[in-house]
C-alpha atoms as a PDB file:
ATOM      1  CA  MET A   1     132.266 158.823  90.612  1.00  0.00           C
ATOM      2  CA  SER A   2     134.630 161.275  91.931  1.00  0.00           C
ATOM      3  CA  GLY A   3     133.634 164.096  94.031  1.00  0.00           C
ATOM      4  CA  GLN A   4     134.664 166.724  91.542  1.00  0.00           C
ATOM      5  CA  GLY A   5     132.268 169.220  90.048  1.00  0.00           C
ATOM      6  CA  VAL A   6     131.104 169.371  86.407  1.00  0.00           C
ATOM      7  CA  VAL A   7     133.608 170.319  84.069  1.00  0.00           C
ATOM      8  CA  ARG A   8     132.121 173.710  82.102  1.00  0.00           C
ATOM      9  CA  ALA A   9     133.158 174.289  78.516  1.00  0.00           C
ATOM     10  CA  ALA A  10     131.980 176.429  75.703  1.00  0.00           C
ATOM     11  CA  GLY A  11     132.187 176.520  72.012  1.00  0.00           C
ATOM     12  CA  CYS A  12     130.408 177.619  68.455  1.00  0.00           C
ATOM     13  CA  VAL A  13     129.211 176.124  65.607  1.00  0.00           C
ATOM     14  CA  LEU A  14     131.076 178.215  63.188  1.00  0.00           C
ATOM     15  CA  TRP A  15     129.741 179.117  59.740  1.00  0.00           C
ATOM     16  CA  ARG A  16     130.359 181.591  56.999  1.00  0.00           C
ATOM     17  CA  ARG A  17     128.446 182.061  53.731  1.00  0.00           C
ATOM     18  CA  ALA A  18     129.649 179.371  51.190  1.00  0.00           C
ATOM     19  CA  ARG A  19     132.257 179.914  48.696  1.00  0.00           C
ATOM     20  CA  SER A  20     131.458 177.045  46.737  1.00  0.00           C
ATOM     21  CA  PRO A  21     127.849 176.522  44.813  1.00  0.00           C
ATOM     22  CA  LEU A  22     127.850 173.046  46.207  1.00  0.00           C
ATOM     23  CA  ALA A  23     127.220 174.310  49.659  1.00  0.00           C
ATOM     24  CA  HIS A  24     123.742 175.901  48.915  1.00  0.00           C
ATOM     25  CA  ARG A  25     122.651 172.748  46.772  1.00  0.00           C
ATOM     26  CA  GLU A  26     122.951 170.546  49.667  1.00  0.00           C
ATOM     27  CA  LEU A  27     120.722 172.967  51.609  1.00  0.00           C
ATOM     28  CA  GLY A  28     118.010 173.041  49.203  1.00  0.00           C
ATOM     29  CA  GLU A  29     116.062 175.850  47.393  1.00  0.00           C
ATOM     30  CA  SER A  30     115.210 177.832  50.614  1.00  0.00           C
ATOM     31  CA  TRP A  31     119.173 178.401  51.209  1.00  0.00           C
ATOM     32  CA  ALA A  32     119.949 179.215  47.354  1.00  0.00           C
ATOM     33  CA  GLY A  33     119.029 182.890  47.943  1.00  0.00           C
ATOM     34  CA  HIS A  34     121.639 183.096  50.924  1.00  0.00           C
ATOM     35  CA  GLY A  35     124.208 181.490  48.779  1.00  0.00           C
ATOM     36  CA  GLY A  36     124.581 178.569  50.903  1.00  0.00           C
ATOM     37  CA  ILE A  37     126.894 178.103  54.065  1.00  0.00           C
ATOM     38  CA  GLU A  38     129.820 176.339  55.139  1.00  0.00           C
ATOM     39  CA  LEU A  39     131.071 175.114  58.791  1.00  0.00           C
ATOM     40  CA  CYS A  40     134.128 175.165  60.139  1.00  0.00           C
ATOM     41  CA  LEU A  41     135.220 172.033  61.844  1.00  0.00           C
ATOM     42  CA  VAL A  42     138.596 171.461  63.603  1.00  0.00           C
ATOM     43  CA  HIS A  43     141.040 168.235  63.895  1.00  0.00           C
ATOM     44  CA  ARG A  44     142.286 167.549  67.368  1.00  0.00           C
ATOM     45  CA  PRO A  45     145.704 165.269  66.497  1.00  0.00           C
ATOM     46  CA  LYS A  46     145.500 164.162  70.383  1.00  0.00           C
ATOM     47  CA  TYR A  47     142.289 162.467  70.112  1.00  0.00           C
ATOM     48  CA  GLY A  48     142.127 161.962  65.992  1.00  0.00           C
ATOM     49  CA  ASP A  49     138.817 163.491  65.913  1.00  0.00           C
ATOM     50  CA  TRP A  50     136.956 166.260  64.202  1.00  0.00           C
ATOM     51  CA  SER A  51     134.713 168.479  66.041  1.00  0.00           C
ATOM     52  CA  HIS A  52     133.428 172.104  66.418  1.00  0.00           C
ATOM     53  CA  PRO A  53     135.893 174.350  68.246  1.00  0.00           C
ATOM     54  CA  LYS A  54     135.353 174.426  72.182  1.00  0.00           C
ATOM     55  CA  GLY A  55     137.226 174.585  75.207  1.00  0.00           C
ATOM     56  CA  LYS A  56     137.081 174.562  78.988  1.00  0.00           C
ATOM     57  CA  LEU A  57     135.947 177.794  80.928  1.00  0.00           C
ATOM     58  CA  LYS A  58     138.687 179.734  82.878  1.00  0.00           C
ATOM     59  CA  THR A  59     137.723 180.708  86.229  1.00  0.00           C
ATOM     60  CA  GLY A  60     135.245 183.350  86.380  1.00  0.00           C
ATOM     61  CA  GLU A  61     134.911 183.386  82.682  1.00  0.00           C
ATOM     62  CA  PRO A  62     131.358 183.857  81.170  1.00  0.00           C
ATOM     63  CA  PRO A  63     130.454 180.777  78.698  1.00  0.00           C
ATOM     64  CA  LEU A  64     129.994 183.260  75.656  1.00  0.00           C
ATOM     65  CA  ALA A  65     133.246 184.656  76.312  1.00  0.00           C
ATOM     66  CA  ALA A  66     135.057 181.269  76.382  1.00  0.00           C
ATOM     67  CA  ALA A  67     133.290 180.138  73.465  1.00  0.00           C
ATOM     68  CA  LEU A  68     134.696 183.137  71.527  1.00  0.00           C
ATOM     69  CA  ARG A  69     138.013 182.773  72.855  1.00  0.00           C
ATOM     70  CA  GLU A  70     138.332 179.220  71.843  1.00  0.00           C
ATOM     71  CA  VAL A  71     136.967 179.724  68.527  1.00  0.00           C
ATOM     72  CA  ALA A  72     139.739 182.502  67.988  1.00  0.00           C
ATOM     73  CA  GLU A  73     142.386 180.395  69.427  1.00  0.00           C
ATOM     74  CA  GLU A  74     141.351 177.126  67.559  1.00  0.00           C
ATOM     75  CA  THR A  75     140.478 178.526  64.214  1.00  0.00           C
ATOM     76  CA  GLY A  76     142.201 181.950  63.826  1.00  0.00           C
ATOM     77  CA  PHE A  77     139.092 183.617  63.183  1.00  0.00           C
ATOM     78  CA  ARG A  78     136.947 186.202  65.114  1.00  0.00           C
ATOM     79  CA  CYS A  79     133.337 185.429  64.983  1.00  0.00           C
ATOM     80  CA  THR A  80     129.947 187.136  65.963  1.00  0.00           C
ATOM     81  CA  PRO A  81     127.800 184.962  68.073  1.00  0.00           C
ATOM     82  CA  GLY A  82     124.183 184.124  67.111  1.00  0.00           C
ATOM     83  CA  PRO A  83     121.614 182.159  68.695  1.00  0.00           C
ATOM     84  CA  VAL A  84     122.094 179.669  71.583  1.00  0.00           C
ATOM     85  CA  LEU A  85     122.442 176.183  70.629  1.00  0.00           C
ATOM     86  CA  PRO A  86     121.640 172.997  72.708  1.00  0.00           C
ATOM     87  CA  SER A  87     124.435 172.058  75.320  1.00  0.00           C
ATOM     88  CA  ALA A  88     125.780 168.736  75.330  1.00  0.00           C
ATOM     89  CA  HIS A  89     126.313 166.645  78.519  1.00  0.00           C
ATOM     90  CA  TYR A  90     128.576 163.657  78.674  1.00  0.00           C
ATOM     91  CA  LEU A  91     131.274 162.118  80.711  1.00  0.00           C
ATOM     92  CA  ALA A  92     134.852 162.954  79.741  1.00  0.00           C
ATOM     93  CA  HIS A  93     137.549 160.798  81.663  1.00  0.00           C
ATOM     94  CA  GLY A  94     134.889 159.984  83.986  1.00  0.00           C
ATOM     95  CA  ARG A  95     133.715 163.363  85.026  1.00  0.00           C
ATOM     96  CA  PRO A  96     130.581 164.934  83.919  1.00  0.00           C
ATOM     97  CA  LYS A  97     130.877 167.727  81.363  1.00  0.00           C
ATOM     98  CA  GLN A  98     128.697 170.471  80.063  1.00  0.00           C
ATOM     99  CA  VAL A  99     129.674 172.186  76.749  1.00  0.00           C
ATOM    100  CA  SER A 100     127.451 175.187  76.106  1.00  0.00           C
ATOM    101  CA  TYR A 101     127.075 176.284  72.305  1.00  0.00           C
ATOM    102  CA  TRP A 102     126.257 179.233  70.106  1.00  0.00           C
ATOM    103  CA  ALA A 103     126.112 179.710  66.407  1.00  0.00           C
ATOM    104  CA  ALA A 104     128.625 181.876  65.288  1.00  0.00           C
ATOM    105  CA  GLU A 105     129.361 183.775  61.851  1.00  0.00           C
ATOM    106  CA  ALA A 106     133.127 183.678  61.183  1.00  0.00           C
ATOM    107  CA  GLY A 107     134.641 187.257  60.410  1.00  0.00           C
ATOM    108  CA  GLU A 108     138.046 188.121  59.761  1.00  0.00           C
ATOM    109  CA  GLY A 109     141.000 185.888  60.359  1.00  0.00           C
ATOM    110  CA  GLY A 110     143.357 182.787  59.313  1.00  0.00           C
ATOM    111  CA  PHE A 111     144.236 179.513  60.703  1.00  0.00           C
ATOM    112  CA  ARG A 112     147.631 178.515  62.095  1.00  0.00           C
ATOM    113  CA  PRO A 113     148.184 174.854  62.870  1.00  0.00           C
ATOM    114  CA  SER A 114     148.921 174.310  66.895  1.00  0.00           C
ATOM    115  CA  ARG A 115     149.507 171.140  68.996  1.00  0.00           C
ATOM    116  CA  GLU A 116     145.914 171.169  69.643  1.00  0.00           C
ATOM    117  CA  VAL A 117     144.507 172.024  66.549  1.00  0.00           C
ATOM    118  CA  ASP A 118     146.363 170.827  63.549  1.00  0.00           C
ATOM    119  CA  ARG A 119     143.817 171.447  60.927  1.00  0.00           C
ATOM    120  CA  ILE A 120     140.415 172.926  60.057  1.00  0.00           C
ATOM    121  CA  CYS A 121     138.051 172.695  57.224  1.00  0.00           C
ATOM    122  CA  TRP A 122     135.425 174.233  55.687  1.00  0.00           C
ATOM    123  CA  LEU A 123     132.409 172.036  54.414  1.00  0.00           C
ATOM    124  CA  PRO A 124     128.685 172.464  53.298  1.00  0.00           C
ATOM    125  CA  PRO A 125     126.607 171.159  56.206  1.00  0.00           C
ATOM    126  CA  LEU A 126     126.089 167.860  54.861  1.00  0.00           C
ATOM    127  CA  SER A 127     129.539 167.151  54.517  1.00  0.00           C
ATOM    128  CA  ALA A 128     130.319 168.485  57.947  1.00  0.00           C
ATOM    129  CA  ARG A 129     128.055 166.348  59.611  1.00  0.00           C
ATOM    130  CA  ALA A 130     129.437 163.368  57.811  1.00  0.00           C
ATOM    131  CA  ARG A 131     132.973 164.462  58.975  1.00  0.00           C
ATOM    132  CA  LEU A 132     132.012 164.913  62.497  1.00  0.00           C
ATOM    133  CA  THR A 133     133.238 162.041  64.789  1.00  0.00           C
ATOM    134  CA  GLU A 134     130.690 162.587  67.726  1.00  0.00           C
ATOM    135  CA  PRO A 135     127.025 162.167  67.316  1.00  0.00           C
ATOM    136  CA  ARG A 136     126.358 164.861  69.631  1.00  0.00           C
ATOM    137  CA  ASP A 137     128.179 167.092  67.134  1.00  0.00           C
ATOM    138  CA  LYS A 138     126.157 166.197  64.481  1.00  0.00           C
ATOM    139  CA  GLU A 139     123.158 167.022  66.287  1.00  0.00           C
ATOM    140  CA  LEU A 140     124.307 170.529  66.441  1.00  0.00           C
ATOM    141  CA  VAL A 141     124.664 170.850  62.553  1.00  0.00           C
ATOM    142  CA  ASP A 142     120.798 170.314  62.721  1.00  0.00           C
ATOM    143  CA  ALA A 143     120.083 172.533  65.567  1.00  0.00           C
ATOM    144  CA  LEU A 144     122.332 175.180  63.439  1.00  0.00           C
ATOM    145  CA  LEU A 145     120.563 174.936  60.363  1.00  0.00           C
ATOM    146  CA  THR A 146     117.153 175.365  62.391  1.00  0.00           C
ATOM    147  CA  ALA A 147     118.285 178.130  64.315  1.00  0.00           C
ATOM    148  CA  LEU A 148     119.525 180.183  60.896  1.00  0.00           C
ATOM    149  CA  ARG A 149     116.149 179.536  59.056  1.00  0.00           C
ATOM    150  CA  LEU A 150     114.277 180.901  62.053  1.00  0.00           C
ATOM    151  CA  GLY A 151     116.483 184.052  62.030  1.00  0.00           C
END
């Protein structure tokens, strides 16, 4: 491994109140009163994957600020941060990477495709979990549901 340090990144598991009755059925009766939720996933054509919005920190940038910036850049939505979710630790291109995550409720905005993210989708949690490419991203769905139930 090279002498370079850990690559630091941040992102959010972006959610909104469901617009479809299917979303609350997946979560069971405990969520029916909330109308259910949908999660926003981003498709990155460079990697051909579906993931949560995230990206590298700029020099001196706090992780939460980076997470909110990345959500806005990749999805076009502003968001309100919520509970801290587990960080992901893995190797990316031979270097250790740490991604800090927050739950975040979507606010106003609208998606515009870019070279980095060409599509987004809003899905109920179980469908989002199935669509996500990496197992570590699937685990974040479970963490989000636990955090929102406690909140």
